Amino acid sequence: MSEGPLIGRLTGVFGIRGELKCREIAGSNAFSVGRSYDVAAGGEIRRLRCRSVRRHHDRLLVAFDGFETPEAAKSIAGADVRGEPGDVELGPDEYLDADLVGLRLIDERGAELGRTVVGVAHYPAQDCLIVDPGRALVPLVKAFVQKIDLAAGTIATNLPDGLFE
């Protein structure tokens, strides 16, 4: 797969012009017309040029060259979309998945929890940190994640008892 950051997931077809509903994962401006993206669908990665981007209510809709009908667009629904590292402008408290992998979890007092982030899972309700050992899921929400410090390599957490059991 592309080395670029994961910026979105195509969640389904919208309308009759080949548009796809897109769940934004990194940066609110990562998609733009004319830019090319790596789209991973059906076991293959295609480099596709974006032909339109628009908002419909709170949903991002994108369309790619060569996928002008709902039937064609359906073939890439469910795909992950990766961009170029320099294309993503992150806002405050936004991070790329790759920035979080390798960070150590600490409690609110700074004590090491013996857990390291090995991945990030993107679910419809929220994103979750995947931590080892055991690949436990920690919801990436303010109630559990207090502070992310990339320079220190830590994530300060306030986790409920038994989360790792």
Foldseek 3Di string as FASTA:
>chain_A
DDPFFFFWAFAAADDFFQKTWIDGQAAPQLDDAQFWKWKDFPNDTDTWGWHDWDDDPNIIITHTPPRGGRVSSRRRHGITIGHHHVSTDGDPPTDTFVLQFQAFEAEQVRHGPPKTFHTWAQDPVAIWTQIDDVRFTHGPDCQFFVDDDSVVSYTYTDDDPPSRD
